[in-house]
Amino acid sequence: MDIGFLFDWDGVVIDSHNQHEESWDLLSAEIGQPLPEGFMKKTFGMRNQNIFPMWLPHLATDAAAITALGNRKEELYREILRRDGIEALPGVKAFLQAARQAGIPASVGSSTPRQNIDTVIEMAGLQGLFDAIVAAEDVAHGKPHPEVFLKGAEKLHRKPERCVVFEDAFVGIEAGKSGGMKVVGIATTHPIEKLTQADLALHDLVGVNPVELARRLGL
């Protein structure tokens, strides 16, 4: 089939919200800077380069310091993953396997660093199910800019309008729509009734047939 699937990572393939929250809390304690109220909700789905200036405005022009703090935060996150383990969200693995059997390629399109994605793919047994990965290091613009999904479509050799984005975050849904793609909202981070900007909203991918889904979206 001449369509492609583009998957956000956290909140769609896995749910590591709690692990991310713990890693931010640990970093906050390490550097002695409290996190603002509602920090996780406001920044979910954003790149570290955009998050740190919101938290620590005095570092807004210090790219080296932001990179170092970001690397430390992700190091803490991976340590937590190795301690706790991680699995794919319900239905994801079966959906990816069915898409592969149907000849529909899939790419990751995420603001998550590549090392985090590689770590989880191995831990969750998702090897061989993604044809491409576009991670934080591969883009200059974070969501809601569509660059991460446009690059994913390019890597899959698919036209953007023939791609389906799977997203849980509002900024990601906006990115997919502005890139000219169909968007399926997954209700992990926000209630399903809030995902009104998506073309279709689902609680999860359990029992979802990828070919039927594409037809439902008019592809």
N, C-alpha and C. Protein backbone atom coordinates (compact mmCIF):
# COMPACT_ATOMS: atom_id res chain seq x y z
N MET A 1 0.84 -1.20 0.00
CA MET A 1 0.00 0.00 0.00
C MET A 1 0.88 1.25 0.00
N ASP A 2 0.39 2.32 -0.61
CA ASP A 2 1.20 3.53 -0.74
C ASP A 2 0.98 4.50 0.42
N ILE A 3 0.62 3.97 1.59
CA ILE A 3 0.43 4.82 2.76
C ILE A 3 1.51 4.51 3.78
N GLY A 4 1.65 5.40 4.75
CA GLY A 4 2.64 5.19 5.81
C GLY A 4 2.07 5.60 7.15
N PHE A 5 2.60 5.01 8.20
CA PHE A 5 2.19 5.33 9.57
C PHE A 5 3.34 6.02 10.30
N LEU A 6 3.03 7.11 10.96
CA LEU A 6 4.02 7.90 11.69
C LEU A 6 3.62 7.96 13.16
N PHE A 7 4.46 7.39 14.00
CA PHE A 7 4.12 7.24 15.41
C PHE A 7 4.91 8.19 16.31
N ASP A 8 4.17 9.00 17.07
CA ASP A 8 4.80 9.64 18.21
C ASP A 8 5.25 8.52 19.16
N TRP A 9 6.04 8.84 20.14
CA TRP A 9 6.64 7.80 20.98
C TRP A 9 5.96 7.73 22.35
N ASP A 10 6.32 8.65 23.23
CA ASP A 10 5.73 8.63 24.57
C ASP A 10 4.24 8.96 24.52
N GLY A 11 3.44 8.09 25.11
CA GLY A 11 2.00 8.28 25.11
C GLY A 11 1.29 7.60 23.97
N VAL A 12 2.07 7.05 23.01
CA VAL A 12 1.48 6.35 21.87
C VAL A 12 2.03 4.93 21.78
N VAL A 13 3.35 4.80 21.68
CA VAL A 13 3.97 3.48 21.64
C VAL A 13 4.19 2.96 23.06
N ILE A 14 4.65 3.83 23.93
CA ILE A 14 4.82 3.49 25.34
C ILE A 14 4.19 4.61 26.18
N ASP A 15 4.01 4.34 27.44
CA ASP A 15 3.59 5.38 28.38
C ASP A 15 4.63 5.44 29.49
N SER A 16 5.56 6.39 29.35
CA SER A 16 6.59 6.54 30.38
C SER A 16 6.47 7.91 31.05
N HIS A 17 5.24 8.38 31.13
CA HIS A 17 4.99 9.68 31.76
C HIS A 17 5.55 9.71 33.17
N ASN A 18 5.27 8.66 33.95
CA ASN A 18 5.73 8.63 35.34
C ASN A 18 7.26 8.60 35.44
N GLN A 19 7.89 7.87 34.52
CA GLN A 19 9.36 7.80 34.53
C GLN A 19 9.97 9.16 34.15
N HIS A 20 9.33 9.84 33.17
CA HIS A 20 9.81 11.18 32.81
C HIS A 20 9.62 12.13 33.99
N GLU A 21 8.47 12.06 34.63
CA GLU A 21 8.20 12.94 35.77
C GLU A 21 9.23 12.72 36.88
N GLU A 22 9.54 11.45 37.14
CA GLU A 22 10.53 11.14 38.17
C GLU A 22 11.91 11.69 37.79
N SER A 23 12.26 11.56 36.50
CA SER A 23 13.58 12.03 36.07
C SER A 23 13.68 13.55 36.17
N TRP A 24 12.60 14.26 35.87
CA TRP A 24 12.60 15.73 36.05
C TRP A 24 12.72 16.09 37.53
N ASP A 25 12.01 15.35 38.38
CA ASP A 25 12.08 15.61 39.82
C ASP A 25 13.50 15.37 40.35
N LEU A 26 14.15 14.30 39.87
CA LEU A 26 15.52 14.01 40.31
C LEU A 26 16.48 15.10 39.85
N LEU A 27 16.32 15.55 38.60
CA LEU A 27 17.19 16.62 38.09
C LEU A 27 16.95 17.91 38.88
N SER A 28 15.69 18.20 39.16
CA SER A 28 15.34 19.39 39.93
C SER A 28 16.03 19.36 41.29
N ALA A 29 16.02 18.19 41.93
CA ALA A 29 16.67 18.05 43.24
C ALA A 29 18.19 18.19 43.12
N GLU A 30 18.75 17.63 42.03
CA GLU A 30 20.21 17.69 41.84
C GLU A 30 20.71 19.12 41.72
N ILE A 31 19.96 19.95 40.99
CA ILE A 31 20.45 21.32 40.73
C ILE A 31 19.81 22.35 41.67
N GLY A 32 18.90 21.89 42.53
CA GLY A 32 18.30 22.79 43.52
C GLY A 32 17.38 23.83 42.94
N GLN A 33 16.67 23.48 41.85
CA GLN A 33 15.74 24.41 41.22
C GLN A 33 14.36 23.75 41.15
N PRO A 34 13.37 24.25 41.91
CA PRO A 34 12.04 23.63 41.90
C PRO A 34 11.35 23.77 40.55
N LEU A 35 10.57 22.77 40.21
CA LEU A 35 9.79 22.81 38.96
C LEU A 35 8.53 23.64 39.17
N PRO A 36 8.11 24.39 38.16
CA PRO A 36 6.89 25.19 38.30
C PRO A 36 5.63 24.33 38.33
N GLU A 37 4.56 24.90 38.81
CA GLU A 37 3.27 24.21 38.87
C GLU A 37 2.83 23.80 37.47
N GLY A 38 2.35 22.55 37.35
CA GLY A 38 1.85 22.06 36.06
C GLY A 38 2.91 21.89 35.00
N PHE A 39 4.16 21.71 35.41
CA PHE A 39 5.29 21.64 34.48
C PHE A 39 5.14 20.54 33.45
N MET A 40 4.81 19.32 33.89
CA MET A 40 4.72 18.18 32.98
C MET A 40 3.62 18.38 31.95
N LYS A 41 2.47 18.89 32.37
CA LYS A 41 1.34 19.08 31.47
C LYS A 41 1.67 20.10 30.39
N LYS A 42 2.35 21.17 30.80
CA LYS A 42 2.67 22.25 29.86
C LYS A 42 3.73 21.86 28.85
N THR A 43 4.65 20.99 29.25
CA THR A 43 5.81 20.71 28.40
C THR A 43 5.75 19.36 27.70
N PHE A 44 4.72 18.56 27.96
CA PHE A 44 4.68 17.21 27.40
C PHE A 44 4.69 17.26 25.87
N GLY A 45 5.59 16.49 25.27
CA GLY A 45 5.71 16.44 23.82
C GLY A 45 6.68 17.44 23.23
N MET A 46 7.25 18.30 24.08
CA MET A 46 8.19 19.32 23.60
C MET A 46 9.64 18.82 23.72
N ARG A 47 10.53 19.47 22.96
CA ARG A 47 11.95 19.13 23.01
C ARG A 47 12.59 19.80 24.23
N ASN A 48 13.65 19.16 24.73
CA ASN A 48 14.36 19.72 25.87
C ASN A 48 14.86 21.14 25.61
N GLN A 49 15.27 21.40 24.37
CA GLN A 49 15.78 22.73 24.03
C GLN A 49 14.73 23.81 24.22
N ASN A 50 13.46 23.43 24.11
CA ASN A 50 12.37 24.38 24.32
C ASN A 50 11.87 24.37 25.77
N ILE A 51 12.07 23.24 26.44
CA ILE A 51 11.57 23.11 27.82
C ILE A 51 12.44 23.88 28.81
N PHE A 52 13.75 23.73 28.70
CA PHE A 52 14.62 24.31 29.74
C PHE A 52 14.51 25.84 29.84
N PRO A 53 14.42 26.59 28.72
CA PRO A 53 14.25 28.04 28.87
C PRO A 53 12.95 28.42 29.58
N MET A 54 11.91 27.58 29.49
CA MET A 54 10.66 27.85 30.20
C MET A 54 10.85 27.66 31.70
N TRP A 55 11.67 26.69 32.07
CA TRP A 55 11.91 26.38 33.48
C TRP A 55 13.00 27.27 34.07
N LEU A 56 14.09 27.44 33.31
CA LEU A 56 15.25 28.19 33.78
C LEU A 56 15.56 29.31 32.78
N PRO A 57 14.81 30.41 32.83
CA PRO A 57 14.96 31.48 31.82
C PRO A 57 16.38 32.03 31.72
N HIS A 58 17.14 31.97 32.80
CA HIS A 58 18.50 32.51 32.77
C HIS A 58 19.42 31.69 31.86
N LEU A 59 18.96 30.50 31.46
CA LEU A 59 19.78 29.67 30.57
C LEU A 59 19.31 29.75 29.11
N ALA A 60 18.38 30.64 28.84
CA ALA A 60 17.77 30.69 27.50
C ALA A 60 18.79 30.84 26.38
N THR A 61 19.89 31.52 26.64
CA THR A 61 20.91 31.74 25.60
C THR A 61 22.15 30.88 25.80
N ASP A 62 22.10 29.97 26.76
CA ASP A 62 23.26 29.12 27.07
C ASP A 62 23.01 27.70 26.53
N ALA A 63 23.27 27.53 25.23
CA ALA A 63 22.96 26.25 24.57
C ALA A 63 23.75 25.10 25.18
N ALA A 64 24.99 25.35 25.57
CA ALA A 64 25.83 24.29 26.14
C ALA A 64 25.25 23.80 27.47
N ALA A 65 24.80 24.73 28.31
CA ALA A 65 24.23 24.35 29.61
C ALA A 65 22.93 23.58 29.42
N ILE A 66 22.11 24.02 28.47
CA ILE A 66 20.84 23.34 28.20
C ILE A 66 21.11 21.92 27.70
N THR A 67 22.09 21.76 26.82
CA THR A 67 22.44 20.43 26.31
C THR A 67 22.91 19.52 27.43
N ALA A 68 23.76 20.05 28.30
CA ALA A 68 24.30 19.25 29.41
C ALA A 68 23.19 18.83 30.37
N LEU A 69 22.31 19.75 30.70
CA LEU A 69 21.20 19.41 31.60
C LEU A 69 20.24 18.43 30.94
N GLY A 70 19.99 18.63 29.64
CA GLY A 70 19.12 17.71 28.92
C GLY A 70 19.69 16.31 28.88
N ASN A 71 21.00 16.21 28.65
CA ASN A 71 21.65 14.90 28.63
C ASN A 71 21.55 14.22 29.99
N ARG A 72 21.71 14.99 31.04
CA ARG A 72 21.61 14.43 32.39
C ARG A 72 20.20 13.95 32.69
N LYS A 73 19.21 14.75 32.28
CA LYS A 73 17.82 14.36 32.50
C LYS A 73 17.52 13.04 31.79
N GLU A 74 17.98 12.89 30.55
CA GLU A 74 17.71 11.66 29.80
C GLU A 74 18.48 10.48 30.35
N GLU A 75 19.66 10.74 30.89
CA GLU A 75 20.43 9.68 31.55
C GLU A 75 19.67 9.15 32.76
N LEU A 76 19.11 10.06 33.55
CA LEU A 76 18.30 9.67 34.70
C LEU A 76 17.08 8.87 34.25
N TYR A 77 16.46 9.31 33.19
CA TYR A 77 15.28 8.63 32.64
C TYR A 77 15.61 7.19 32.24
N ARG A 78 16.73 7.00 31.55
CA ARG A 78 17.10 5.64 31.12
C ARG A 78 17.44 4.75 32.31
N GLU A 79 18.05 5.34 33.34
CA GLU A 79 18.32 4.57 34.56
C GLU A 79 17.01 4.07 35.20
N ILE A 80 16.00 4.91 35.21
CA ILE A 80 14.70 4.54 35.75
C ILE A 80 14.07 3.43 34.90
N LEU A 81 14.17 3.55 33.58
CA LEU A 81 13.63 2.51 32.69
C LEU A 81 14.29 1.17 32.96
N ARG A 82 15.61 1.17 33.10
CA ARG A 82 16.32 -0.08 33.35
C ARG A 82 15.95 -0.67 34.71
N ARG A 83 15.66 0.19 35.66
CA ARG A 83 15.24 -0.26 36.98
C ARG A 83 13.83 -0.86 36.95
N ASP A 84 12.92 -0.20 36.24
CA ASP A 84 11.50 -0.58 36.28
C ASP A 84 11.07 -1.48 35.13
N GLY A 85 11.78 -1.43 33.99
CA GLY A 85 11.32 -2.10 32.78
C GLY A 85 10.25 -1.27 32.09
N ILE A 86 9.94 -1.62 30.84
CA ILE A 86 8.92 -0.89 30.08
C ILE A 86 8.34 -1.82 29.02
N GLU A 87 7.05 -1.68 28.77
CA GLU A 87 6.38 -2.46 27.73
C GLU A 87 5.62 -1.52 26.81
N ALA A 88 5.34 -1.99 25.60
CA ALA A 88 4.52 -1.21 24.68
C ALA A 88 3.10 -1.11 25.22
N LEU A 89 2.43 -0.04 24.86
CA LEU A 89 1.04 0.14 25.27
C LEU A 89 0.16 -0.95 24.64
N PRO A 90 -0.99 -1.25 25.25
CA PRO A 90 -1.87 -2.31 24.74
C PRO A 90 -2.22 -2.11 23.26
N GLY A 91 -2.04 -3.18 22.50
CA GLY A 91 -2.42 -3.19 21.09
C GLY A 91 -1.37 -2.70 20.13
N VAL A 92 -0.36 -2.02 20.62
CA VAL A 92 0.62 -1.40 19.73
C VAL A 92 1.43 -2.43 18.95
N LYS A 93 1.97 -3.42 19.65
CA LYS A 93 2.83 -4.40 18.98
C LYS A 93 2.06 -5.18 17.92
N ALA A 94 0.85 -5.62 18.26
CA ALA A 94 0.03 -6.36 17.30
C ALA A 94 -0.34 -5.49 16.11
N PHE A 95 -0.63 -4.21 16.36
CA PHE A 95 -0.96 -3.29 15.27
C PHE A 95 0.23 -3.10 14.33
N LEU A 96 1.42 -2.91 14.88
CA LEU A 96 2.62 -2.76 14.06
C LEU A 96 2.91 -4.02 13.25
N GLN A 97 2.72 -5.17 13.87
CA GLN A 97 2.94 -6.43 13.16
C GLN A 97 1.95 -6.59 12.01
N ALA A 98 0.68 -6.23 12.25
CA ALA A 98 -0.34 -6.33 11.21
C ALA A 98 -0.07 -5.34 10.08
N ALA A 99 0.40 -4.15 10.43
CA ALA A 99 0.73 -3.16 9.41
C ALA A 99 1.88 -3.66 8.54
N ARG A 100 2.85 -4.29 9.17
CA ARG A 100 3.99 -4.83 8.42
C ARG A 100 3.52 -5.92 7.46
N GLN A 101 2.63 -6.78 7.92
CA GLN A 101 2.10 -7.85 7.07
C GLN A 101 1.29 -7.28 5.90
N ALA A 102 0.67 -6.12 6.12
CA ALA A 102 -0.13 -5.48 5.07
C ALA A 102 0.71 -4.61 4.14
N GLY A 103 2.01 -4.53 4.40
CA GLY A 103 2.89 -3.74 3.56
C GLY A 103 2.85 -2.26 3.82
N ILE A 104 2.44 -1.87 5.04
CA ILE A 104 2.39 -0.46 5.42
C ILE A 104 3.59 -0.15 6.30
N PRO A 105 4.53 0.67 5.83
CA PRO A 105 5.72 0.97 6.64
C PRO A 105 5.39 1.93 7.77
N ALA A 106 6.21 1.90 8.81
CA ALA A 106 5.99 2.75 9.98
C ALA A 106 7.28 3.44 10.39
N SER A 107 7.14 4.68 10.83
CA SER A 107 8.27 5.44 11.34
C SER A 107 7.93 6.03 12.70
N VAL A 108 8.93 6.17 13.53
CA VAL A 108 8.79 6.94 14.75
C VAL A 108 9.02 8.41 14.40
N GLY A 109 8.21 9.31 14.96
CA GLY A 109 8.40 10.74 14.79
C GLY A 109 8.27 11.40 16.15
N SER A 110 9.39 11.65 16.81
CA SER A 110 9.32 12.02 18.23
C SER A 110 10.33 13.07 18.62
N SER A 111 9.99 13.84 19.66
CA SER A 111 10.92 14.79 20.25
C SER A 111 11.84 14.11 21.26
N THR A 112 11.71 12.79 21.39
CA THR A 112 12.55 12.00 22.30
C THR A 112 13.93 11.76 21.68
N PRO A 113 15.01 11.84 22.46
CA PRO A 113 16.34 11.52 21.94
C PRO A 113 16.43 10.08 21.43
N ARG A 114 17.24 9.88 20.42
CA ARG A 114 17.36 8.58 19.76
C ARG A 114 17.79 7.48 20.74
N GLN A 115 18.67 7.79 21.65
CA GLN A 115 19.15 6.77 22.58
C GLN A 115 18.02 6.23 23.45
N ASN A 116 17.08 7.10 23.83
CA ASN A 116 15.92 6.64 24.59
C ASN A 116 15.07 5.68 23.77
N ILE A 117 14.84 6.03 22.51
CA ILE A 117 14.02 5.18 21.64
C ILE A 117 14.68 3.82 21.44
N ASP A 118 15.98 3.83 21.14
CA ASP A 118 16.70 2.57 20.94
C ASP A 118 16.64 1.69 22.19
N THR A 119 16.76 2.32 23.36
CA THR A 119 16.71 1.58 24.63
C THR A 119 15.37 0.89 24.79
N VAL A 120 14.29 1.63 24.52
CA VAL A 120 12.94 1.08 24.70
C VAL A 120 12.62 0.02 23.66
N ILE A 121 13.03 0.22 22.42
CA ILE A 121 12.78 -0.77 21.37
C ILE A 121 13.33 -2.13 21.79
N GLU A 122 14.53 -2.10 22.34
CA GLU A 122 15.14 -3.36 22.79
C GLU A 122 14.42 -3.92 24.00
N MET A 123 14.12 -3.07 24.99
CA MET A 123 13.49 -3.55 26.22
C MET A 123 12.08 -4.07 26.00
N ALA A 124 11.35 -3.42 25.07
CA ALA A 124 9.94 -3.77 24.84
C ALA A 124 9.75 -4.79 23.71
N GLY A 125 10.84 -5.26 23.12
CA GLY A 125 10.74 -6.26 22.06
C GLY A 125 10.10 -5.75 20.78
N LEU A 126 10.44 -4.53 20.39
CA LEU A 126 9.86 -3.91 19.19
C LEU A 126 10.83 -3.90 18.01
N GLN A 127 11.89 -4.70 18.11
CA GLN A 127 12.88 -4.72 17.03
C GLN A 127 12.23 -5.14 15.71
N GLY A 128 12.61 -4.43 14.65
CA GLY A 128 12.15 -4.78 13.31
C GLY A 128 10.77 -4.31 12.94
N LEU A 129 10.10 -3.58 13.83
CA LEU A 129 8.73 -3.15 13.55
C LEU A 129 8.65 -1.71 13.02
N PHE A 130 9.76 -0.97 13.08
CA PHE A 130 9.79 0.38 12.53
C PHE A 130 10.80 0.42 11.38
N ASP A 131 10.38 1.01 10.28
CA ASP A 131 11.24 1.12 9.10
C ASP A 131 12.15 2.33 9.18
N ALA A 132 11.80 3.29 10.02
CA ALA A 132 12.59 4.51 10.16
C ALA A 132 12.36 5.11 11.53
N ILE A 133 13.30 5.94 11.95
CA ILE A 133 13.17 6.68 13.21
C ILE A 133 13.61 8.12 12.97
N VAL A 134 12.76 9.04 13.34
CA VAL A 134 13.11 10.47 13.36
C VAL A 134 13.00 10.90 14.81
N ALA A 135 14.13 11.29 15.39
CA ALA A 135 14.19 11.62 16.82
C ALA A 135 14.60 13.08 17.00
N ALA A 136 14.79 13.48 18.25
CA ALA A 136 15.09 14.88 18.57
C ALA A 136 16.30 15.41 17.82
N GLU A 137 17.34 14.56 17.66
CA GLU A 137 18.57 15.02 17.02
C GLU A 137 18.40 15.27 15.52
N ASP A 138 17.32 14.78 14.93
CA ASP A 138 17.15 14.83 13.48
C ASP A 138 16.40 16.06 12.99
N VAL A 139 15.90 16.88 13.91
CA VAL A 139 15.08 18.02 13.49
C VAL A 139 15.57 19.31 14.13
N ALA A 140 15.31 20.42 13.45
CA ALA A 140 15.66 21.74 13.99
C ALA A 140 14.48 22.38 14.70
N HIS A 141 13.28 21.94 14.35
CA HIS A 141 12.06 22.54 14.90
C HIS A 141 11.25 21.49 15.64
N GLY A 142 10.86 21.80 16.87
CA GLY A 142 10.01 20.89 17.64
C GLY A 142 8.55 21.05 17.27
N LYS A 143 7.74 20.09 17.68
CA LYS A 143 6.30 20.20 17.50
C LYS A 143 5.80 21.43 18.28
N PRO A 144 4.83 22.18 17.75
CA PRO A 144 3.88 21.84 16.69
C PRO A 144 4.36 22.02 15.26
N HIS A 145 5.62 22.36 15.05
CA HIS A 145 6.14 22.38 13.68
C HIS A 145 6.08 20.95 13.12
N PRO A 146 5.70 20.77 11.85
CA PRO A 146 5.52 19.42 11.30
C PRO A 146 6.80 18.72 10.84
N GLU A 147 7.98 19.35 11.04
CA GLU A 147 9.22 18.81 10.48
C GLU A 147 9.44 17.33 10.82
N VAL A 148 9.20 16.93 12.07
CA VAL A 148 9.49 15.55 12.48
C VAL A 148 8.65 14.56 11.69
N PHE A 149 7.41 14.91 11.37
CA PHE A 149 6.56 14.00 10.61
C PHE A 149 6.83 14.09 9.10
N LEU A 150 7.17 15.26 8.62
CA LEU A 150 7.52 15.39 7.21
C LEU A 150 8.78 14.58 6.90
N LYS A 151 9.74 14.59 7.82
CA LYS A 151 10.96 13.79 7.62
C LYS A 151 10.65 12.30 7.70
N GLY A 152 9.71 11.93 8.58
CA GLY A 152 9.31 10.53 8.67
C GLY A 152 8.67 10.06 7.38
N ALA A 153 7.78 10.87 6.81
CA ALA A 153 7.15 10.53 5.53
C ALA A 153 8.20 10.38 4.43
N GLU A 154 9.17 11.28 4.44
CA GLU A 154 10.25 11.23 3.44
C GLU A 154 11.05 9.94 3.58
N LYS A 155 11.37 9.56 4.82
CA LYS A 155 12.13 8.33 5.04
C LYS A 155 11.35 7.09 4.60
N LEU A 156 10.02 7.15 4.69
CA LEU A 156 9.19 6.02 4.26
C LEU A 156 8.86 6.08 2.77
N HIS A 157 9.33 7.15 2.09
CA HIS A 157 9.04 7.35 0.67
C HIS A 157 7.53 7.43 0.43
N ARG A 158 6.87 8.17 1.28
CA ARG A 158 5.43 8.37 1.18
C ARG A 158 5.12 9.86 1.15
N LYS A 159 4.05 10.23 0.42
CA LYS A 159 3.60 11.61 0.42
C LYS A 159 2.93 11.91 1.77
N PRO A 160 3.12 13.12 2.31
CA PRO A 160 2.50 13.46 3.59
C PRO A 160 1.00 13.21 3.63
N GLU A 161 0.33 13.53 2.55
CA GLU A 161 -1.13 13.35 2.53
C GLU A 161 -1.55 11.88 2.50
N ARG A 162 -0.59 10.98 2.32
CA ARG A 162 -0.86 9.55 2.35
C ARG A 162 -0.37 8.91 3.65
N CYS A 163 -0.11 9.75 4.64
CA CYS A 163 0.38 9.25 5.92
C CYS A 163 -0.61 9.49 7.04
N VAL A 164 -0.55 8.61 8.03
CA VAL A 164 -1.36 8.74 9.23
C VAL A 164 -0.43 8.94 10.43
N VAL A 165 -0.68 10.01 11.17
CA VAL A 165 0.07 10.30 12.39
C VAL A 165 -0.71 9.78 13.59
N PHE A 166 -0.02 9.12 14.50
CA PHE A 166 -0.61 8.64 15.75
C PHE A 166 -0.02 9.49 16.87
N GLU A 167 -0.87 10.24 17.56
CA GLU A 167 -0.41 11.21 18.55
C GLU A 167 -1.31 11.26 19.77
N ASP A 168 -0.72 11.63 20.89
CA ASP A 168 -1.51 11.83 22.12
C ASP A 168 -1.47 13.26 22.60
N ALA A 169 -0.46 14.04 22.17
CA ALA A 169 -0.28 15.40 22.65
C ALA A 169 -0.89 16.41 21.69
N PHE A 170 -1.40 17.50 22.24
CA PHE A 170 -2.02 18.53 21.41
C PHE A 170 -1.02 19.11 20.41
N VAL A 171 0.23 19.34 20.84
CA VAL A 171 1.22 19.91 19.92
C VAL A 171 1.53 18.94 18.79
N GLY A 172 1.45 17.63 19.06
CA GLY A 172 1.71 16.63 18.04
C GLY A 172 0.56 16.52 17.05
N ILE A 173 -0.66 16.60 17.55
CA ILE A 173 -1.82 16.59 16.67
C ILE A 173 -1.77 17.80 15.74
N GLU A 174 -1.43 18.95 16.30
CA GLU A 174 -1.29 20.17 15.49
C GLU A 174 -0.20 20.00 14.43
N ALA A 175 0.92 19.37 14.82
CA ALA A 175 2.02 19.15 13.87
C ALA A 175 1.58 18.27 12.71
N GLY A 176 0.87 17.18 13.02
CA GLY A 176 0.41 16.29 11.96
C GLY A 176 -0.56 16.98 11.01
N LYS A 177 -1.49 17.74 11.57
CA LYS A 177 -2.48 18.43 10.73
C LYS A 177 -1.81 19.49 9.86
N SER A 178 -0.87 20.24 10.44
CA SER A 178 -0.21 21.28 9.65
C SER A 178 0.71 20.69 8.59
N GLY A 179 1.10 19.42 8.77
CA GLY A 179 1.89 18.74 7.75
C GLY A 179 1.05 18.11 6.65
N GLY A 180 -0.26 18.26 6.73
CA GLY A 180 -1.16 17.74 5.70
C GLY A 180 -1.49 16.28 5.84
N MET A 181 -1.29 15.71 7.03
CA MET A 181 -1.51 14.29 7.26
C MET A 181 -2.82 14.04 8.00
N LYS A 182 -3.30 12.82 7.92
CA LYS A 182 -4.40 12.40 8.77
C LYS A 182 -3.85 12.13 10.17
N VAL A 183 -4.64 12.42 11.19
CA VAL A 183 -4.15 12.24 12.55
C VAL A 183 -5.13 11.41 13.38
N VAL A 184 -4.59 10.38 14.02
CA VAL A 184 -5.35 9.57 14.98
C VAL A 184 -4.90 9.97 16.37
N GLY A 185 -5.81 10.49 17.17
CA GLY A 185 -5.49 10.86 18.54
C GLY A 185 -5.64 9.66 19.46
N ILE A 186 -4.66 9.43 20.31
CA ILE A 186 -4.69 8.33 21.27
C ILE A 186 -4.88 8.92 22.68
N ALA A 187 -5.91 8.46 23.37
CA ALA A 187 -6.31 9.08 24.64
C ALA A 187 -5.55 8.52 25.84
N THR A 188 -4.24 8.76 25.85
CA THR A 188 -3.45 8.38 27.02
C THR A 188 -3.16 9.59 27.90
N THR A 189 -2.81 10.70 27.27
CA THR A 189 -2.45 11.91 28.01
C THR A 189 -3.67 12.80 28.28
N HIS A 190 -4.59 12.84 27.32
CA HIS A 190 -5.78 13.68 27.45
C HIS A 190 -7.03 12.81 27.26
N PRO A 191 -8.16 13.20 27.87
CA PRO A 191 -9.41 12.46 27.67
C PRO A 191 -9.80 12.46 26.19
N ILE A 192 -10.43 11.39 25.75
CA ILE A 192 -10.75 11.24 24.33
C ILE A 192 -11.62 12.38 23.81
N GLU A 193 -12.48 12.93 24.65
CA GLU A 193 -13.36 14.01 24.21
C GLU A 193 -12.61 15.33 23.98
N LYS A 194 -11.34 15.38 24.43
CA LYS A 194 -10.54 16.59 24.22
C LYS A 194 -9.76 16.55 22.90
N LEU A 195 -9.73 15.38 22.25
CA LEU A 195 -8.91 15.22 21.04
C LEU A 195 -9.70 15.60 19.79
N THR A 196 -10.32 16.75 19.85
CA THR A 196 -11.25 17.16 18.79
C THR A 196 -10.54 17.56 17.49
N GLN A 197 -9.27 17.91 17.57
CA GLN A 197 -8.55 18.33 16.36
C GLN A 197 -8.07 17.14 15.52
N ALA A 198 -8.09 15.96 16.11
CA ALA A 198 -7.68 14.75 15.36
C ALA A 198 -8.79 14.32 14.41
N ASP A 199 -8.41 13.63 13.34
CA ASP A 199 -9.41 13.11 12.40
C ASP A 199 -10.19 11.96 13.02
N LEU A 200 -9.55 11.26 13.93
CA LEU A 200 -10.16 10.13 14.62
C LEU A 200 -9.51 10.01 15.99
N ALA A 201 -10.29 9.73 17.01
CA ALA A 201 -9.75 9.55 18.35
C ALA A 201 -10.06 8.15 18.86
N LEU A 202 -9.05 7.51 19.44
CA LEU A 202 -9.19 6.15 19.97
C LEU A 202 -8.64 6.09 21.39
N HIS A 203 -9.21 5.19 22.18
CA HIS A 203 -8.66 4.98 23.52
C HIS A 203 -7.31 4.29 23.44
N ASP A 204 -7.17 3.32 22.50
CA ASP A 204 -5.93 2.59 22.30
C ASP A 204 -6.00 1.87 20.96
N LEU A 205 -5.00 1.06 20.66
CA LEU A 205 -4.96 0.35 19.37
C LEU A 205 -5.33 -1.13 19.50
N VAL A 206 -5.92 -1.50 20.61
CA VAL A 206 -6.32 -2.89 20.83
C VAL A 206 -7.38 -3.29 19.79
N GLY A 207 -7.08 -4.35 19.03
CA GLY A 207 -8.04 -4.88 18.07
C GLY A 207 -8.24 -4.04 16.83
N VAL A 208 -7.43 -3.01 16.64
CA VAL A 208 -7.58 -2.12 15.48
C VAL A 208 -6.85 -2.73 14.28
N ASN A 209 -7.57 -2.84 13.17
CA ASN A 209 -6.99 -3.36 11.92
C ASN A 209 -6.41 -2.19 11.13
N PRO A 210 -5.12 -2.22 10.81
CA PRO A 210 -4.49 -1.07 10.14
C PRO A 210 -5.08 -0.75 8.78
N VAL A 211 -5.45 -1.76 8.01
CA VAL A 211 -6.02 -1.52 6.68
C VAL A 211 -7.40 -0.88 6.81
N GLU A 212 -8.21 -1.40 7.71
CA GLU A 212 -9.53 -0.82 7.93
C GLU A 212 -9.43 0.60 8.47
N LEU A 213 -8.45 0.85 9.33
CA LEU A 213 -8.25 2.19 9.85
C LEU A 213 -7.94 3.16 8.73
N ALA A 214 -7.04 2.77 7.83
CA ALA A 214 -6.69 3.64 6.72
C ALA A 214 -7.91 3.93 5.84
N ARG A 215 -8.72 2.92 5.58
CA ARG A 215 -9.93 3.13 4.79
C ARG A 215 -10.90 4.07 5.49
N ARG A 216 -10.99 3.93 6.80
CA ARG A 216 -11.87 4.79 7.59
C ARG A 216 -11.45 6.26 7.48
N LEU A 217 -10.16 6.48 7.30
CA LEU A 217 -9.63 7.83 7.17
C LEU A 217 -9.63 8.31 5.72
N GLY A 218 -10.14 7.49 4.81
CA GLY A 218 -10.23 7.87 3.41
C GLY A 218 -8.96 7.69 2.63
N LEU A 219 -8.08 6.82 3.11
CA LEU A 219 -6.81 6.57 2.41
C LEU A 219 -6.84 5.25 1.66
